[in-house]
Amino acid sequence: MGFLRRNQDAAGTRYQMREKIFAIGDDFWIDTDDERHAFKVNGKALRIRSTFILENPSGDELFKLQEKKLRVRDTMQLEHDGKTVATIKKALVSPLRERFHIELADGHELNAKGNIVDHEYKIERDGNQVAEISKRWFRVRETYGIEVAPGEDAGLILAAAICIDEMARH
């Protein structure tokens, strides 16, 4: 099942995500295209704000994803070892398609744009694609894929995509 065949020249790693599963208290696995568990998402129950923990297969915490309340626009932060490594914000003005800005702690910025709700969008850095999110790659309903370019921090990209999905649902 899983992934459709793709061009063998594609160099990125694809991950499989289940759609509409980001509920507080839910835990789920993010798998690779060869069906290996790559990351676990732990949805923290009984919290006032949306909180998820991205873990490696051994259970080590990689990122804490947390909604920031009382903001003009939707915002979530990614933390690693108690320090904010990225802030994801929904763009205030989006004429045709939704856009999100991912501000990294090192001063760089990523942008997600496209059809966010239907999981057909790209994440770019300085106009260069670092990830693509698409439902086209799957035969399984309510599943979408995230292809992360070589050399990119897959955990960071996947954590940002989870935040974007969570904010797009509200």
Protein backbone atom coordinates (compact mmCIF):
# COMPACT_ATOMS: atom_id res chain seq x y z
CA MET A 1 0.00 0.00 0.00
CA GLY A 2 1.49 3.34 0.92
CA PHE A 3 3.45 5.34 -1.61
CA LEU A 4 2.85 5.38 -5.32
CA ARG A 5 5.83 4.80 -7.56
CA ARG A 6 7.94 7.84 -8.19
CA ASN A 7 10.87 8.99 -10.22
CA GLN A 8 13.94 7.13 -8.99
CA ASP A 9 16.01 10.30 -9.50
CA ALA A 10 14.15 12.03 -6.68
CA ALA A 11 16.66 12.40 -3.88
CA GLY A 12 14.49 13.45 -0.93
CA THR A 13 13.14 11.22 1.83
CA ARG A 14 9.38 10.77 1.96
CA TYR A 15 7.41 10.39 5.15
CA GLN A 16 3.82 9.24 5.53
CA MET A 17 1.39 11.21 7.71
CA ARG A 18 -2.19 10.40 8.59
CA GLU A 19 -4.64 13.21 7.97
CA LYS A 20 -6.91 14.57 10.72
CA ILE A 21 -5.14 12.80 13.52
CA PHE A 22 -3.79 15.74 15.43
CA ALA A 23 -6.06 15.55 18.43
CA ILE A 24 -4.83 16.22 21.91
CA GLY A 25 -4.03 12.92 23.56
CA ASP A 26 -3.43 11.11 20.25
CA ASP A 27 -0.12 9.41 19.61
CA PHE A 28 0.89 8.29 16.14
CA TRP A 29 3.89 7.26 14.07
CA ILE A 30 5.36 9.04 11.07
CA ASP A 31 6.69 6.33 8.76
CA THR A 32 9.16 6.37 5.87
CA ASP A 33 8.14 5.22 2.40
CA ASP A 34 9.57 1.77 3.22
CA GLU A 35 7.16 1.63 6.21
CA ARG A 36 9.76 2.08 8.97
CA HIS A 37 8.80 4.11 12.04
CA ALA A 38 10.85 7.30 11.77
CA PHE A 39 9.25 9.61 14.36
CA LYS A 40 6.54 9.39 16.99
CA VAL A 41 4.16 12.25 17.76
CA ASN A 42 2.90 12.29 21.31
CA GLY A 43 -0.22 14.48 21.75
CA LYS A 44 -0.27 15.77 25.30
CA ALA A 45 -3.71 15.42 26.90
CA LEU A 46 -5.31 17.76 29.39
CA ARG A 47 -3.49 20.88 28.25
CA ILE A 48 -5.09 24.28 27.72
CA ARG A 49 -3.16 24.79 24.51
CA SER A 50 -2.22 22.39 21.74
CA THR A 51 0.98 20.59 22.67
CA PHE A 52 2.75 17.76 20.85
CA ILE A 53 6.11 16.09 21.39
CA LEU A 54 8.07 14.80 18.38
CA GLU A 55 10.21 11.84 19.42
CA ASN A 56 12.69 9.57 17.66
CA PRO A 57 11.84 5.83 17.52
CA SER A 58 13.70 5.29 20.82
CA GLY A 59 11.42 7.76 22.60
CA ASP A 60 13.91 10.62 22.93
CA GLU A 61 12.26 14.05 22.68
CA LEU A 62 13.38 15.98 19.61
CA PHE A 63 10.93 18.90 19.59
CA LYS A 64 8.11 20.21 21.72
CA LEU A 65 5.40 21.82 19.56
CA GLN A 66 3.27 24.27 21.47
CA GLU A 67 0.50 26.70 20.56
CA LYS A 68 0.90 30.27 21.76
CA LYS A 69 -2.38 31.76 23.01
CA LEU A 70 -3.47 35.40 22.99
CA ARG A 71 -1.75 36.32 19.72
CA VAL A 72 -3.16 38.42 16.86
CA ARG A 73 -2.52 35.55 14.49
CA ASP A 74 -2.11 31.83 14.96
CA THR A 75 1.34 30.99 16.30
CA MET A 76 3.08 27.81 17.43
CA GLN A 77 6.62 27.36 18.68
CA LEU A 78 9.07 24.49 18.33
CA GLU A 79 11.35 23.98 21.29
CA HIS A 80 14.42 21.80 21.67
CA ASP A 81 16.00 21.38 25.12
CA GLY A 82 13.83 24.23 26.46
CA LYS A 83 14.93 26.73 23.79
CA THR A 84 12.74 28.03 20.97
CA VAL A 85 14.22 26.88 17.64
CA ALA A 86 11.35 27.99 15.38
CA THR A 87 8.15 30.02 15.44
CA ILE A 88 5.41 29.21 12.93
CA LYS A 89 2.94 31.97 12.12
CA LYS A 90 -0.04 32.08 9.82
CA ALA A 91 0.19 34.96 7.33
CA LEU A 92 -2.24 37.80 8.01
CA VAL A 93 -3.16 38.34 4.36
CA SER A 94 -3.58 35.35 2.05
CA PRO A 95 -5.48 36.30 -1.08
CA LEU A 96 -5.81 32.92 -2.82
CA ARG A 97 -3.87 30.35 -0.87
CA GLU A 98 -2.81 29.99 2.72
CA ARG A 99 0.71 30.90 3.73
CA PHE A 100 2.75 30.28 6.84
CA HIS A 101 6.08 31.75 7.90
CA ILE A 102 8.56 29.61 9.82
CA GLU A 103 11.03 31.87 11.62
CA LEU A 104 14.11 29.93 12.73
CA ALA A 105 16.11 30.93 15.81
CA ASP A 106 19.24 31.31 13.66
CA GLY A 107 17.58 34.22 11.80
CA HIS A 108 16.62 32.29 8.67
CA GLU A 109 13.04 31.91 7.48
CA LEU A 110 11.09 29.20 5.68
CA ASN A 111 7.79 29.81 3.91
CA ALA A 112 4.98 27.34 3.39
CA LYS A 113 2.56 28.16 0.61
CA GLY A 114 -0.03 26.39 -1.45
CA ASN A 115 -3.24 24.61 -0.66
CA ILE A 116 -2.59 23.93 3.03
CA VAL A 117 -6.03 22.51 3.86
CA ASP A 118 -5.81 19.92 1.05
CA HIS A 119 -2.18 19.07 1.89
CA GLU A 120 -0.75 20.28 -1.43
CA TYR A 121 1.94 22.80 -0.58
CA LYS A 122 5.69 23.46 -0.54
CA ILE A 123 8.10 24.74 2.06
CA GLU A 124 10.84 26.98 0.69
CA ARG A 125 13.97 28.76 1.91
CA ASP A 126 15.07 31.73 -0.20
CA GLY A 127 12.98 30.47 -3.12
CA ASN A 128 14.50 26.95 -2.96
CA GLN A 129 12.19 24.06 -2.10
CA VAL A 130 13.15 22.19 1.06
CA ALA A 131 9.98 20.09 1.35
CA GLU A 132 6.85 19.17 -0.53
CA ILE A 133 3.62 18.06 1.08
CA SER A 134 1.17 16.12 -1.10
CA LYS A 135 -1.72 13.67 -1.01
CA ARG A 136 -1.05 12.59 -4.62
CA TRP A 137 1.55 10.02 -3.59
CA PHE A 138 -0.83 7.74 -1.74
CA ARG A 139 -3.49 5.21 -2.49
CA VAL A 140 -4.57 5.19 1.15
CA ARG A 141 -7.33 7.64 2.08
CA GLU A 142 -6.69 10.29 4.68
CA THR A 143 -2.94 10.00 4.24
CA TYR A 144 -0.46 12.48 2.87
CA GLY A 145 3.26 12.57 2.32
CA ILE A 146 6.06 14.94 3.19
CA GLU A 147 9.19 14.76 1.06
CA VAL A 148 12.18 16.41 2.72
CA ALA A 149 15.11 17.51 0.58
CA PRO A 150 18.55 15.99 1.27
CA GLY A 151 20.56 17.84 3.92
CA GLU A 152 17.47 19.30 5.62
CA ASP A 153 16.53 18.60 9.23
CA ALA A 154 13.64 16.15 8.69
CA GLY A 155 12.49 16.43 12.31
CA LEU A 156 12.25 20.20 12.09
CA ILE A 157 10.38 20.10 8.76
CA LEU A 158 7.95 17.43 10.01
CA ALA A 159 7.38 19.33 13.27
CA ALA A 160 6.65 22.52 11.30
CA ALA A 161 4.21 20.61 9.06
CA ILE A 162 2.39 19.28 12.15
CA CYS A 163 2.09 22.85 13.48
CA ILE A 164 0.80 24.10 10.12
CA ASP A 165 -1.77 21.29 10.02
CA GLU A 166 -2.88 22.05 13.57
CA MET A 167 -3.27 25.78 12.87
CA ALA A 168 -5.05 25.21 9.54
CA ARG A 169 -7.72 23.14 11.32
CA HIS A 170 -8.72 26.04 13.62
